[in-house]
Amino acid sequence: MNFKAWIRISKPFKHQTMIYPFLVGTAIAYHVLGTIDPLIFVVSFFAVIVMVEAAYISNDYFDYDTDLGNPSKFTGGSKVLVEGELQKEVVLKVTAGLIAFAFILGLIIQFGLKTGPFSIPIGAFGMFLAYSYSGKPLRLSYHGLGEITLAFNNAWTPIFAGYYLQVHRPDLLPSIVAIPYILGVFSQKLLREIPDLEYDMKAGRRNLAVILGKEHAGRLYLASLILTIISLLLMILYLQNLYPFTLLLIIPASMLLPNLWYGIRRGWKGLKDLERMNDLGFKAMFAIPLVFTLTFILAGVI
């Protein structure tokens, strides 16, 4: 078995986009309840990893034709299938197996651990959006809807799930807390599409960067970046009962400032600046849920 190829197609670095927000939802539940159920956390955390794995390897399967003509390291996929290191049929079978395993875990979580009637629907909703990003018939990333649904699914779904599975009831707080991360994921995804604009256009992939063009996509990125920073600062005011720990939110907001400067200078026009912005953007994006998690845990402990 080609373990290196499986690691590449799994994109373990990107697993953080779903794992960290799940921790946020769990931390919010801890703040509300004063405790968490460790068994529910362990099983559901494992279920999240299984579902994320299925989503990422299936994305390479469904984007195979696009990745053939896209040499970019930004959004051109892992290249594992394109380079023939793994067979498409094998990847599809593994994806189906992971989805089936995730469903079994969902049954255990909802009925065995009694987490509430929305447990399986939440997981199914997340898997449906993840599949529909590249999979037929919706193929949202080919019709200008991929960025929005990916941002929502990578932020709101795991935050809400992490909270709901512990508290067993829906609440508005996790949805509000998800807003900065939704904006952060959206802006980072849009930024990563700009270098691949020409290749995606040739492959028939009409994402937002292709639809808007480089200049307008860059401006939308700048606008979403500004909204991300503003939303983080507004959270300090909204979560007054968590003060002074909410001041930690200044950290990810300040980490976004270099990209704001690059954006004002239209840094998206040059590949070197784009690479720098991409690196800084990922670090700042991941800092958002990590700081939220720390904020709610500290507020719950102290």
Protein backbone atom coordinates (compact mmCIF):
# COMPACT_ATOMS: atom_id res chain seq x y z
CA MET A 1 0.00 0.00 0.00
CA ASN A 2 1.28 3.46 -0.92
CA PHE A 3 1.03 5.16 2.48
CA LYS A 4 2.64 8.39 1.30
CA ALA A 5 0.03 8.70 -1.45
CA TRP A 6 -2.81 8.15 1.02
CA ILE A 7 -1.36 10.82 3.32
CA ARG A 8 -1.13 13.27 0.42
CA ILE A 9 -4.69 12.69 -0.76
CA SER A 10 -5.97 12.90 2.82
CA LYS A 11 -4.57 16.43 3.17
CA PRO A 12 -4.06 16.14 6.97
CA PHE A 13 -3.10 19.83 7.14
CA LYS A 14 -6.60 20.79 6.00
CA HIS A 15 -8.30 18.54 8.57
CA GLN A 16 -7.72 21.41 10.96
CA THR A 17 -10.40 23.44 9.19
CA MET A 18 -13.06 21.10 10.66
CA ILE A 19 -11.37 19.81 13.82
CA TYR A 20 -10.70 23.23 15.36
CA PRO A 21 -14.28 24.53 14.96
CA PHE A 22 -15.59 21.26 16.46
CA LEU A 23 -13.45 22.06 19.50
CA VAL A 24 -15.03 25.53 19.59
CA GLY A 25 -18.52 24.02 19.81
CA THR A 26 -17.37 21.67 22.57
CA ALA A 27 -15.75 24.58 24.45
CA ILE A 28 -18.98 26.60 24.24
CA ALA A 29 -20.85 23.60 25.66
CA TYR A 30 -18.30 23.37 28.47
CA HIS A 31 -18.84 27.04 29.27
CA VAL A 32 -22.63 26.57 29.34
CA LEU A 33 -22.73 23.26 31.24
CA GLY A 34 -19.58 23.49 33.32
CA THR A 35 -18.60 20.02 32.08
CA ILE A 36 -18.60 17.79 28.99
CA ASP A 37 -19.25 14.09 28.42
CA PRO A 38 -15.79 12.67 27.53
CA LEU A 39 -17.21 9.57 25.79
CA ILE A 40 -19.45 11.65 23.54
CA PHE A 41 -16.50 13.90 22.76
CA VAL A 42 -14.14 11.05 21.85
CA VAL A 43 -16.62 9.16 19.65
CA SER A 44 -17.94 12.27 17.90
CA PHE A 45 -14.43 13.65 17.41
CA PHE A 46 -13.47 10.40 15.72
CA ALA A 47 -16.62 10.61 13.57
CA VAL A 48 -15.62 14.10 12.46
CA ILE A 49 -12.19 12.86 11.37
CA VAL A 50 -13.78 9.99 9.41
CA MET A 51 -16.20 12.32 7.63
CA VAL A 52 -13.51 14.89 6.84
CA GLU A 53 -11.30 12.13 5.44
CA ALA A 54 -14.14 10.95 3.19
CA ALA A 55 -14.76 14.50 2.01
CA TYR A 56 -11.16 15.26 1.09
CA ILE A 57 -10.30 12.07 -0.74
CA SER A 58 -13.61 12.16 -2.64
CA ASN A 59 -12.85 15.74 -3.66
CA ASP A 60 -9.77 14.52 -5.56
CA TYR A 61 -11.91 11.83 -7.20
CA PHE A 62 -14.59 14.23 -8.44
CA ASP A 63 -12.08 16.93 -9.45
CA TYR A 64 -9.90 14.50 -11.43
CA ASP A 65 -10.61 16.04 -14.85
CA THR A 66 -10.03 19.58 -13.54
CA ASP A 67 -6.81 18.63 -11.76
CA LEU A 68 -5.41 17.11 -14.96
CA GLY A 69 -4.91 20.58 -16.42
CA ASN A 70 -4.25 22.48 -13.22
CA PRO A 71 -0.58 22.49 -12.17
CA SER A 72 -1.06 24.89 -9.27
CA LYS A 73 -0.20 23.89 -5.73
CA PHE A 74 -2.93 26.20 -4.45
CA THR A 75 -6.15 24.39 -5.39
CA GLY A 76 -5.02 21.86 -7.97
CA GLY A 77 -5.68 18.91 -5.69
CA SER A 78 -3.15 16.51 -4.23
CA LYS A 79 -2.21 15.20 -7.73
CA VAL A 80 -2.19 11.65 -6.35
CA LEU A 81 -4.81 10.41 -8.81
CA VAL A 82 -3.50 12.52 -11.69
CA GLU A 83 0.00 11.09 -11.20
CA GLY A 84 -1.40 7.55 -10.99
CA GLU A 85 -0.17 6.84 -7.47
CA LEU A 86 -3.64 5.61 -6.50
CA GLN A 87 -6.46 4.20 -8.60
CA LYS A 88 -9.69 6.18 -8.85
CA GLU A 89 -11.83 3.09 -8.20
CA VAL A 90 -9.93 2.32 -4.99
CA VAL A 91 -10.39 5.87 -3.73
CA LEU A 92 -14.11 5.71 -4.48
CA LYS A 93 -14.49 2.43 -2.59
CA VAL A 94 -12.58 3.78 0.42
CA THR A 95 -14.79 6.87 0.38
CA ALA A 96 -17.93 4.70 0.41
CA GLY A 97 -16.49 2.66 3.28
CA LEU A 98 -15.71 5.78 5.31
CA ILE A 99 -19.22 7.14 4.78
CA ALA A 100 -20.73 3.83 5.90
CA PHE A 101 -18.48 3.82 8.98
CA ALA A 102 -19.46 7.43 9.75
CA PHE A 103 -23.14 6.42 9.59
CA ILE A 104 -22.54 3.59 12.09
CA LEU A 105 -20.79 6.05 14.41
CA GLY A 106 -23.76 8.39 13.96
CA LEU A 107 -26.14 5.63 15.12
CA ILE A 108 -23.97 5.02 18.18
CA ILE A 109 -23.80 8.73 18.97
CA GLN A 110 -27.53 9.44 18.57
CA PHE A 111 -29.08 6.27 19.96
CA GLY A 112 -26.33 4.73 22.08
CA LEU A 113 -25.08 7.93 23.69
CA LYS A 114 -28.50 9.63 23.44
CA THR A 115 -27.26 12.97 22.14
CA GLY A 116 -30.55 14.09 20.62
CA PRO A 117 -32.71 13.65 17.48
CA PHE A 118 -30.66 16.06 15.34
CA SER A 119 -27.34 14.22 15.76
CA ILE A 120 -27.51 12.10 12.59
CA PRO A 121 -29.22 14.85 10.52
CA ILE A 122 -26.42 17.29 11.39
CA GLY A 123 -23.77 14.80 10.27
CA ALA A 124 -25.74 13.89 7.14
CA PHE A 125 -26.16 17.58 6.31
CA GLY A 126 -22.43 18.15 6.62
CA MET A 127 -21.60 15.13 4.47
CA PHE A 128 -24.14 16.18 1.84
CA LEU A 129 -22.61 19.65 1.50
CA ALA A 130 -19.08 18.20 1.47
CA TYR A 131 -20.04 15.74 -1.28
CA SER A 132 -21.97 18.35 -3.28
CA TYR A 133 -18.96 20.67 -3.34
CA SER A 134 -17.52 18.67 -6.28
CA GLY A 135 -19.87 15.70 -6.64
CA LYS A 136 -22.75 15.37 -9.08
CA PRO A 137 -25.43 16.47 -9.61
CA LEU A 138 -24.99 19.80 -7.76
CA ARG A 139 -21.20 20.32 -8.16
CA LEU A 140 -21.49 23.58 -6.24
CA SER A 141 -17.85 24.57 -6.79
CA TYR A 142 -18.49 24.59 -10.53
CA HIS A 143 -21.42 27.00 -10.29
CA GLY A 144 -20.22 29.84 -8.06
CA LEU A 145 -21.62 28.36 -4.84
CA GLY A 146 -18.65 26.34 -3.62
CA GLU A 147 -17.00 29.09 -1.60
CA ILE A 148 -20.15 29.96 0.36
CA THR A 149 -21.17 26.38 1.11
CA LEU A 150 -17.61 25.36 2.00
CA ALA A 151 -17.24 28.28 4.41
CA PHE A 152 -20.60 27.50 6.02
CA ASN A 153 -19.94 23.78 6.24
CA ASN A 154 -16.39 24.13 7.56
CA ALA A 155 -17.43 26.63 10.21
CA TRP A 156 -21.07 26.46 11.29
CA THR A 157 -21.62 22.69 10.96
CA PRO A 158 -18.76 21.50 13.23
CA ILE A 159 -19.26 24.32 15.76
CA PHE A 160 -22.99 23.63 16.01
CA ALA A 161 -22.38 19.86 16.12
CA GLY A 162 -19.75 20.12 18.86
CA TYR A 163 -22.18 22.15 20.96
CA TYR A 164 -25.34 20.18 20.24
CA LEU A 165 -23.88 16.75 20.92
CA GLN A 166 -22.94 17.85 24.43
CA VAL A 167 -25.91 20.06 25.31
CA HIS A 168 -28.52 18.04 23.34
CA ARG A 169 -30.42 21.12 22.22
CA PRO A 170 -29.97 23.78 19.54
CA ASP A 171 -28.94 27.27 20.58
CA LEU A 172 -28.17 30.59 18.91
CA LEU A 173 -24.77 31.15 20.55
CA PRO A 174 -22.77 28.63 18.47
CA SER A 175 -24.19 30.09 15.25
CA ILE A 176 -23.19 33.62 16.22
CA VAL A 177 -19.70 32.54 17.30
CA ALA A 178 -19.30 30.79 13.91
CA ILE A 179 -19.61 34.06 11.94
CA PRO A 180 -15.94 35.21 12.06
CA TYR A 181 -14.72 31.77 11.06
CA ILE A 182 -17.25 31.54 8.22
CA LEU A 183 -15.91 34.84 6.87
CA GLY A 184 -12.31 33.75 7.43
CA VAL A 185 -12.75 30.46 5.56
CA PHE A 186 -14.58 32.22 2.72
CA SER A 187 -11.86 34.83 2.25
CA GLN A 188 -9.07 32.24 2.39
CA LYS A 189 -10.82 29.97 -0.11
CA LEU A 190 -11.37 32.85 -2.52
CA LEU A 191 -7.73 33.90 -2.22
CA ARG A 192 -6.55 30.38 -3.08
CA GLU A 193 -8.67 30.34 -6.23
CA ILE A 194 -7.12 33.43 -7.79
CA PRO A 195 -3.83 31.80 -8.98
CA ASP A 196 -5.81 28.96 -10.61
CA LEU A 197 -8.31 31.21 -12.37
CA GLU A 198 -7.13 30.48 -15.93
CA TYR A 199 -6.86 26.71 -15.39
CA ASP A 200 -10.26 26.49 -13.72
CA MET A 201 -11.79 28.50 -16.55
CA LYS A 202 -10.39 26.09 -19.15
CA ALA A 203 -11.70 23.13 -17.16
CA GLY A 204 -15.21 24.63 -17.05
CA ARG A 205 -15.12 25.30 -13.32
CA ARG A 206 -17.10 28.49 -12.74
CA ASN A 207 -16.10 29.33 -9.19
CA LEU A 208 -16.32 32.90 -7.89
CA ALA A 209 -12.82 33.79 -9.05
CA VAL A 210 -13.67 32.70 -12.61
CA ILE A 211 -17.07 34.43 -12.58
CA LEU A 212 -15.74 37.71 -11.15
CA GLY A 213 -12.29 37.82 -12.75
CA LYS A 214 -9.03 38.45 -10.89
CA GLU A 215 -9.60 42.12 -10.11
CA HIS A 216 -13.13 41.80 -8.73
CA ALA A 217 -12.28 38.55 -6.93
CA GLY A 218 -9.37 40.35 -5.27
CA ARG A 219 -11.64 43.16 -4.17
CA LEU A 220 -14.19 40.71 -2.79
CA TYR A 221 -11.37 39.01 -0.91
CA LEU A 222 -10.33 42.34 0.58
CA ALA A 223 -13.92 43.12 1.58
CA SER A 224 -14.41 39.71 3.23
CA LEU A 225 -11.08 40.13 5.03
CA ILE A 226 -12.22 43.47 6.46
CA LEU A 227 -15.52 41.91 7.55
CA THR A 228 -13.63 39.09 9.25
CA ILE A 229 -11.55 41.54 11.28
CA ILE A 230 -14.62 43.63 12.17
CA SER A 231 -16.60 40.54 13.22
CA LEU A 232 -13.79 39.45 15.55
CA LEU A 233 -13.72 42.84 17.22
CA LEU A 234 -17.51 42.91 17.52
CA MET A 235 -17.37 39.53 19.25
CA ILE A 236 -15.41 41.16 22.05
CA LEU A 237 -18.42 43.40 22.67
CA TYR A 238 -21.03 40.68 22.12
CA LEU A 239 -19.42 38.20 24.53
CA GLN A 240 -19.17 40.69 27.37
CA ASN A 241 -19.74 37.98 29.99
CA LEU A 242 -16.48 36.35 28.89
CA TYR A 243 -14.39 39.51 29.40
CA PRO A 244 -11.39 39.87 29.72
CA PHE A 245 -10.72 36.58 27.91
CA THR A 246 -12.43 37.87 24.77
CA LEU A 247 -9.52 40.26 24.34
CA LEU A 248 -7.66 37.22 23.00
CA LEU A 249 -9.69 37.68 19.81
CA ILE A 250 -7.44 40.61 19.03
CA ILE A 251 -4.75 38.01 18.20
CA PRO A 252 -6.36 36.54 15.04
CA ALA A 253 -7.63 40.00 14.07
CA SER A 254 -4.08 41.38 14.18
CA MET A 255 -2.76 38.33 12.30
CA LEU A 256 -5.01 39.31 9.39
CA LEU A 257 -3.58 42.84 9.18
CA PRO A 258 -0.59 41.91 6.95
CA ASN A 259 -2.98 40.40 4.40
CA LEU A 260 -5.13 43.49 4.67
CA TRP A 261 -2.05 45.53 3.75
CA TYR A 262 -1.24 43.19 0.87
CA GLY A 263 -4.86 43.43 -0.27
CA ILE A 264 -4.88 47.21 -0.24
CA ARG A 265 -1.75 47.06 -2.41
CA ARG A 266 -3.56 44.55 -4.69
CA GLY A 267 -1.09 41.84 -3.78
CA TRP A 268 -3.30 39.24 -5.45
CA LYS A 269 -1.86 40.33 -8.81
CA GLY A 270 1.57 38.76 -8.17
CA LEU A 271 2.30 35.09 -7.49
CA LYS A 272 4.96 35.78 -4.85
CA ASP A 273 2.62 38.04 -2.85
CA LEU A 274 -0.17 35.49 -3.27
CA GLU A 275 2.01 32.74 -1.81
CA ARG A 276 2.85 34.97 1.14
CA MET A 277 -0.80 35.92 1.63
CA ASN A 278 -1.85 32.28 1.43
CA ASP A 279 0.60 31.27 4.16
CA LEU A 280 -0.36 34.15 6.45
CA GLY A 281 -4.04 33.63 5.73
CA PHE A 282 -4.03 29.98 6.76
CA LYS A 283 -2.30 30.77 10.06
CA ALA A 284 -4.75 33.54 10.86
CA MET A 285 -7.75 31.43 9.79
CA PHE A 286 -6.74 28.56 12.10
CA ALA A 287 -6.07 31.03 14.93
CA ILE A 288 -9.73 32.09 14.94
CA PRO A 289 -11.24 28.81 16.25
CA LEU A 290 -8.23 28.10 18.45
CA VAL A 291 -8.58 31.44 20.22
CA PHE A 292 -12.36 31.01 20.56
CA THR A 293 -11.78 27.58 22.13
CA LEU A 294 -9.26 29.00 24.59
CA THR A 295 -11.58 31.91 25.41
CA PHE A 296 -14.56 29.73 26.32
CA ILE A 297 -12.44 27.22 28.27
CA LEU A 298 -10.76 29.95 30.32
CA ALA A 299 -14.12 31.63 30.96
CA GLY A 300 -15.53 28.28 32.11
CA VAL A 301 -12.62 27.42 34.38
CA ILE A 302 -11.90 30.76 36.00
